[in-house]
Protein backbone atom coordinates (compact mmCIF):
# COMPACT_ATOMS: atom_id res chain seq x y z
CA MET A 1 8.77 -5.38 -29.77
CA THR A 2 6.29 -2.80 -28.42
CA GLU A 3 6.87 -1.85 -24.92
CA ARG A 4 4.36 -3.25 -22.39
CA LEU A 5 2.68 -0.98 -19.85
CA PRO A 6 4.03 -1.61 -16.30
CA LEU A 7 1.47 -2.76 -13.81
CA LEU A 8 3.18 -1.94 -10.46
CA PHE A 9 1.71 -3.71 -7.43
CA ASN A 10 2.67 -3.49 -3.84
CA PRO A 11 2.58 -6.92 -2.23
CA ARG A 12 2.39 -5.37 1.29
CA SER A 13 -0.61 -3.10 0.80
CA GLY A 14 -4.10 -4.16 1.75
CA THR A 15 -5.22 -7.11 3.81
CA SER A 16 -5.08 -9.88 1.12
CA LYS A 17 -2.22 -11.16 -0.86
CA LYS A 18 -2.01 -9.92 -4.47
CA ASP A 19 -1.71 -12.55 -7.06
CA PRO A 20 -0.78 -10.76 -10.43
CA ASP A 21 -1.05 -14.05 -12.38
CA ALA A 22 -4.65 -14.57 -11.20
CA LEU A 23 -5.47 -10.98 -12.03
CA MET A 24 -3.99 -11.28 -15.51
CA ARG A 25 -6.00 -14.47 -16.21
CA LYS A 26 -9.27 -12.33 -15.54
CA LEU A 27 -8.37 -9.90 -18.34
CA PRO A 28 -9.07 -10.23 -22.01
CA PRO A 29 -6.16 -11.47 -24.05
CA GLU A 30 -5.51 -8.20 -25.85
CA LEU A 31 -5.08 -6.43 -22.29
CA ARG A 32 -2.82 -9.22 -21.05
CA ALA A 33 -0.61 -8.61 -23.97
CA ARG A 34 -0.32 -4.90 -23.08
CA LEU A 35 0.57 -5.27 -19.38
CA GLU A 36 3.74 -6.37 -17.44
CA PRO A 37 3.07 -6.85 -13.75
CA LEU A 38 6.04 -5.74 -11.52
CA ALA A 39 6.30 -6.11 -7.73
CA PHE A 40 7.04 -2.83 -6.11
CA GLY A 41 7.57 -1.18 -2.73
CA PRO A 42 9.99 0.89 -0.58
CA PRO A 43 12.28 2.70 -1.20
CA TRP A 44 9.81 3.82 -3.76
CA ASP A 45 12.07 4.51 -6.77
CA TYR A 46 9.61 4.74 -9.63
CA SER A 47 11.99 6.07 -12.28
CA GLU A 48 12.46 2.89 -14.28
CA ALA A 49 8.81 2.13 -14.25
CA ILE A 50 7.99 5.72 -15.41
CA GLU A 51 10.39 5.40 -18.18
CA LYS A 52 8.72 2.14 -19.37
CA ALA A 53 5.31 3.84 -19.08
CA VAL A 54 6.48 6.70 -21.22
CA ARG A 55 7.86 4.32 -23.92
CA ALA A 56 4.55 2.39 -23.79
CA GLU A 57 2.71 5.82 -24.04
CA GLY A 58 1.28 5.53 -20.57
CA PRO A 59 -0.57 5.64 -18.16
CA LEU A 60 1.50 4.37 -15.23
CA LEU A 61 -0.82 1.74 -13.57
CA VAL A 62 -0.33 1.36 -9.75
CA TRP A 63 -2.01 -1.39 -7.93
CA GLY A 64 -2.04 -0.75 -4.11
CA GLY A 65 -3.41 1.43 -1.27
CA ASP A 66 -3.49 5.14 -0.85
CA GLY A 67 0.11 5.15 0.38
CA THR A 68 1.42 3.43 -2.82
CA VAL A 69 -0.60 5.81 -4.90
CA HIS A 70 0.74 8.77 -2.99
CA HIS A 71 4.34 7.90 -3.55
CA ALA A 72 3.62 7.29 -7.36
CA MET A 73 1.99 10.78 -7.51
CA LYS A 74 5.05 12.29 -5.88
CA ALA A 75 7.42 10.55 -8.29
CA LEU A 76 5.40 11.56 -11.40
CA ARG A 77 5.17 15.23 -10.15
CA LYS A 78 8.84 15.43 -9.59
CA LEU A 79 9.45 14.36 -13.24
CA GLY A 80 6.91 16.84 -14.56
CA CYS A 81 4.05 14.22 -14.94
CA PRO A 82 5.32 12.76 -18.27
CA VAL A 83 2.37 10.16 -18.17
CA ALA A 84 -0.95 9.96 -16.32
CA LEU A 85 -1.37 7.91 -13.16
CA GLY A 86 -3.86 5.19 -13.17
CA ALA A 87 -4.68 4.09 -9.58
CA ILE A 88 -6.02 0.54 -9.19
CA PRO A 89 -7.52 -0.37 -5.79
CA GLY A 90 -5.44 -2.78 -3.65
CA GLY A 91 -5.27 -1.33 -0.16
CA SER A 92 -7.19 -1.29 3.09
CA GLY A 93 -9.24 1.92 2.59
CA ASN A 94 -8.78 2.89 -1.12
CA GLY A 95 -9.97 6.45 -0.42
CA ALA A 96 -8.59 8.04 -3.64
CA VAL A 97 -10.00 5.46 -6.01
CA ARG A 98 -13.40 5.36 -4.26
CA GLY A 99 -13.68 9.17 -4.57
CA LEU A 100 -12.94 8.96 -8.28
CA ARG A 101 -15.60 6.22 -8.63
CA THR A 102 -13.12 3.68 -9.99
CA PRO A 103 -14.34 0.02 -9.78
CA LEU A 104 -13.15 -1.81 -6.65
CA GLU A 105 -12.41 -4.99 -8.47
CA PRO A 106 -8.79 -4.68 -9.84
CA GLU A 107 -9.54 -6.34 -13.14
CA GLY A 108 -12.62 -4.03 -13.65
CA ALA A 109 -10.53 -0.94 -12.68
CA ILE A 110 -7.87 -1.80 -15.24
CA GLN A 111 -10.27 -2.25 -18.03
CA ARG A 112 -12.32 0.86 -17.18
CA LEU A 113 -9.21 2.95 -16.75
CA LEU A 114 -7.66 1.97 -20.15
CA GLU A 115 -11.05 2.67 -21.78
CA GLY A 116 -11.32 5.93 -19.87
CA ARG A 117 -9.82 9.40 -20.19
CA GLU A 118 -7.13 11.65 -18.83
CA LEU A 119 -8.03 14.41 -16.35
CA ARG A 120 -5.89 17.37 -15.13
CA VAL A 121 -6.54 17.62 -11.43
CA ASP A 122 -5.41 19.91 -8.55
CA LEU A 123 -2.91 18.78 -5.92
CA GLY A 124 -3.16 19.86 -2.32
CA LEU A 125 0.01 21.14 -0.59
CA LEU A 126 1.05 20.74 3.00
CA ASP A 127 3.96 22.90 3.74
CA GLY A 128 4.87 22.40 0.10
CA GLU A 129 4.49 18.58 0.16
CA PRO A 130 1.85 17.34 -2.30
CA PHE A 131 -1.15 15.17 -1.68
CA LEU A 132 -3.73 13.80 -4.16
CA ASN A 133 -6.54 12.97 -1.88
CA LEU A 134 -6.46 14.57 1.50
CA CYS A 135 -4.35 15.40 4.50
CA GLY A 136 -5.22 16.13 8.22
CA THR A 137 -4.53 16.25 11.82
CA GLY A 138 -6.20 15.52 15.17
CA PHE A 139 -7.85 12.04 15.56
CA GLU A 140 -7.53 10.91 12.02
CA ALA A 141 -3.76 11.61 11.99
CA ALA A 142 -3.33 9.88 15.44
CA VAL A 143 -4.95 6.78 13.84
CA ALA A 144 -2.71 7.03 10.70
CA HIS A 145 0.42 7.14 12.95
CA GLY A 146 -0.79 4.41 15.28
CA PHE A 147 -1.86 2.10 12.41
CA ASP A 148 1.55 2.62 10.73
CA ALA A 149 3.24 1.58 13.94
CA LEU A 150 1.09 -1.55 14.30
CA GLY A 151 3.26 -3.18 11.52
CA SER A 152 0.19 -5.18 10.29
CA ARG A 153 -3.06 -4.61 8.33
CA GLY A 154 -6.53 -5.65 9.06
CA PHE A 155 -9.96 -4.22 9.96
CA PHE A 156 -9.97 -5.54 13.61
CA GLY A 157 -6.58 -3.92 14.51
CA TYR A 158 -7.65 -0.72 12.87
CA ALA A 159 -11.02 -0.81 14.82
CA LYS A 160 -9.34 -1.48 18.13
CA LEU A 161 -6.88 1.38 17.59
CA SER A 162 -9.53 3.78 16.57
CA LEU A 163 -11.68 2.80 19.74
CA ARG A 164 -8.65 3.52 22.02
CA LEU A 165 -7.90 6.78 20.42
CA TRP A 166 -11.59 7.83 20.39
CA ARG A 167 -11.48 7.61 24.15
CA SER A 168 -8.15 9.43 24.59
CA GLU A 169 -7.70 11.97 21.73
CA LYS A 170 -8.51 15.54 22.83
CA PRO A 171 -9.80 18.43 20.54
CA LEU A 172 -7.27 20.83 19.22
CA ARG A 173 -7.45 24.57 19.47
CA VAL A 174 -6.85 26.20 16.14
CA ARG A 175 -6.04 29.65 15.00
CA TRP A 176 -6.59 30.44 11.27
CA ASP A 177 -5.12 32.89 8.65
CA ALA A 178 -7.10 31.80 5.69
CA THR A 179 -8.34 33.09 2.30
CA ARG A 180 -11.91 31.86 1.81
CA SER A 181 -13.14 30.75 -1.51
CA PRO A 182 -15.83 33.11 -2.85
CA VAL A 183 -19.37 31.70 -3.02
CA ALA A 184 -21.08 32.10 -6.36
CA GLU A 185 -24.61 33.45 -6.08
CA PRO A 186 -27.23 30.88 -7.11
CA SER A 187 -28.90 31.82 -10.41
CA GLY A 188 -31.91 29.39 -11.01
CA ALA A 189 -34.70 28.37 -8.79
CA VAL A 190 -33.33 24.95 -8.17
CA GLU A 191 -29.90 26.35 -7.20
CA LYS A 192 -31.53 28.85 -4.87
CA PHE A 193 -33.50 26.09 -3.25
CA MET A 194 -30.37 23.85 -2.76
CA ALA A 195 -28.45 26.89 -1.40
CA ALA A 196 -31.18 27.62 1.16
CA TRP A 197 -31.39 23.91 2.08
CA LYS A 198 -27.62 23.67 2.59
CA GLY A 199 -27.51 26.82 4.65
CA GLU A 200 -24.59 29.15 5.15
CA GLU A 201 -21.04 27.71 5.15
CA PRO A 202 -19.96 27.20 8.79
CA ASP A 203 -17.13 29.20 10.30
CA LEU A 204 -13.61 27.74 10.24
CA PRO A 205 -13.46 25.36 13.27
CA GLU A 206 -11.65 26.55 16.35
CA HIS A 207 -11.73 23.42 18.46
CA PRO A 208 -11.69 20.45 16.03
CA TRP A 209 -11.34 16.83 17.25
CA SER A 210 -10.33 15.66 13.80
CA LEU A 211 -9.47 18.07 10.93
CA CYS A 212 -9.16 17.17 7.36
CA PHE A 213 -8.24 19.07 4.18
CA ALA A 214 -9.54 17.31 1.13
CA ASN A 215 -8.94 17.49 -2.65
CA LEU A 216 -11.14 14.45 -3.10
CA PRO A 217 -14.31 13.45 -1.09
CA GLN A 218 -13.46 9.98 0.35
CA PHE A 219 -11.39 9.09 3.39
CA GLY A 220 -11.45 5.48 2.57
CA ALA A 221 -13.50 2.36 3.41
CA GLY A 222 -16.64 4.11 2.34
CA LEU A 223 -16.37 7.22 4.56
CA TRP A 224 -17.37 10.45 2.86
CA ILE A 225 -15.30 12.90 4.89
CA ALA A 226 -15.64 15.90 2.41
CA PRO A 227 -18.60 15.23 0.06
CA HIS A 228 -18.28 18.66 -1.62
CA ALA A 229 -14.53 18.37 -2.38
CA ASP A 230 -13.76 19.10 -6.08
CA PRO A 231 -10.39 18.38 -7.56
CA LEU A 232 -10.90 20.91 -10.37
CA ASP A 233 -11.92 24.03 -8.39
CA GLY A 234 -8.51 25.34 -7.34
CA ALA A 235 -9.53 25.15 -3.63
CA LEU A 236 -9.43 22.72 -0.71
CA GLN A 237 -12.39 21.45 1.23
CA TRP A 238 -11.97 21.35 5.02
CA ALA A 239 -13.97 18.98 7.00
CA SER A 240 -14.13 18.84 10.77
CA LEU A 241 -15.53 15.94 12.77
CA LYS A 242 -16.86 16.38 16.39
CA ARG A 243 -15.87 13.78 18.84
CA PRO A 244 -19.12 11.69 19.06
CA SER A 245 -20.59 10.13 22.11
CA LEU A 246 -21.44 6.43 21.84
CA PHE A 247 -24.95 7.35 21.06
CA GLY A 248 -23.98 9.97 18.61
CA ALA A 249 -21.71 7.58 16.78
CA ILE A 250 -24.63 5.05 16.38
CA ALA A 251 -27.16 7.77 15.42
CA GLU A 252 -25.09 10.06 13.23
CA GLY A 253 -22.14 7.94 12.14
CA PRO A 254 -23.89 5.74 9.41
CA ALA A 255 -24.68 8.94 7.39
CA LEU A 256 -20.97 9.59 6.91
CA PHE A 257 -20.88 6.47 4.86
CA ARG A 258 -23.58 7.59 2.39
CA GLU A 259 -22.37 10.06 -0.36
CA LYS A 260 -25.33 12.38 0.19
CA GLY A 261 -25.72 11.65 3.88
CA HIS A 262 -26.05 14.62 6.30
CA SER A 263 -24.48 14.11 9.69
CA ALA A 264 -24.34 16.49 12.65
CA LEU A 265 -20.83 15.09 13.33
CA ARG A 266 -19.33 16.75 10.22
CA TYR A 267 -18.88 20.33 9.25
CA GLU A 268 -17.17 21.44 6.01
CA GLY A 269 -16.25 24.48 3.99
CA ARG A 270 -13.80 25.67 1.37
CA PHE A 271 -10.77 27.86 1.28
CA LEU A 272 -8.00 28.83 -1.32
CA ARG A 273 -5.12 28.85 1.12
CA ALA A 274 -4.51 28.89 4.87
CA ILE A 275 -2.00 28.94 7.60
CA VAL A 276 -3.10 26.84 10.48
CA HIS A 277 -1.74 27.43 13.99
CA LEU A 278 -2.36 24.62 16.60
CA ASP A 279 -2.17 24.97 20.37
CA ARG A 280 0.22 22.04 20.62
CA PRO A 281 2.36 19.81 18.30
CA ALA A 282 0.20 17.27 16.72
CA PRO A 283 0.50 14.38 14.22
CA TRP A 284 -0.35 14.86 10.63
CA HIS A 285 -0.88 12.65 7.65
CA LEU A 286 -0.63 13.02 3.80
CA ASP A 287 -2.94 10.66 1.94
CA GLY A 288 -3.01 8.42 5.05
CA GLU A 289 0.87 8.35 5.23
CA PRO A 290 2.27 9.59 8.64
CA VAL A 291 4.31 12.83 8.43
CA ALA A 292 6.07 14.95 10.98
CA VAL A 293 4.33 16.28 14.02
CA ARG A 294 3.88 20.06 13.80
CA ASP A 295 1.98 23.01 15.50
CA ARG A 296 1.90 25.15 12.33
CA ALA A 297 0.97 24.11 8.83
CA GLU A 298 0.51 25.99 5.57
CA LEU A 299 -2.17 24.66 3.02
CA ALA A 300 -2.32 25.57 -0.61
CA VAL A 301 -3.40 24.27 -4.01
CA GLU A 302 -1.42 23.46 -7.10
CA SER A 303 -4.16 23.99 -9.69
CA LYS A 304 -4.74 21.43 -12.37
CA SER A 305 -1.04 20.48 -12.33
CA PHE A 306 -1.33 16.64 -12.33
CA ARG A 307 -2.35 14.09 -15.00
CA LEU A 308 -4.68 11.47 -13.71
CA GLN A 309 -6.20 8.56 -15.64
CA VAL A 310 -9.85 8.22 -14.77
CA THR A 311 -12.86 6.05 -15.79
CA ASP A 312 -15.98 7.42 -17.52
CA ALA A 313 -17.78 7.15 -14.13
CA CYS A 314 -15.57 9.81 -12.74
CA PRO A 315 -17.91 12.79 -12.09
CA TRP A 316 -15.38 15.46 -12.91
CA ARG A 317 -14.49 16.66 -16.51
């Protein structure tokens, strides 16, 4: 009998209950015959599922949030990426899949991924630990740590926590030792116009309120934290958010939720590697997952080291 592709799903991720039987009923019969839904979660031992995916000639399909996808990425990387990872949205924010332009309906995502292609992408590294989408510190990491401690999911809890931390979280003071990414000179008239419109890349931020290091452009829930992030360029995009006033949040915040939106709250640039020194120990996150507090961090890139299954809508090739 031909091995079926495992479809791993995390029952705890996201705000709504996952019903694999209902999902399977929405798929064409030929796809239902190829897939085997398997409930999954901590302690995140992916080894058996990866072996099944290898025998079924991949990819490894993972239905969950950014945290579930993050742990799957780590497991595949540790084994040398024997199959590609196919991420299916099933979390609260779904930052990675949104950035890759994967459909947000799970049944559509599965079909488009299996009709799609494999892409070799960069991974970011925080002190040697990999991330697929982004990592960060300051306000965004304080929210990640606080949200994890809540023990429950949901927009209202997230919004209440964010409002409290917006009032209390203070900017960091940062000292940098960074290798900047060279900027190519624009050649054509259109490129020169766009470069002039964009302006010079800002200096590395010294007093960020929220500081993100992005391999993909979306933070989650539709927020474009680093619109110019590119998972194929061998660099990381930094993005710094200023702490907004109430009026600033109303006036400038909506632009952060448009892919091409320009907001005075956001500054971004690019570097190849960096050592970041903070004025105090601060929380950090990896793909939205809380990690250890630190006052020094080393950021780097593992170039085109990871196998990712993407849809034809993915803008990178």
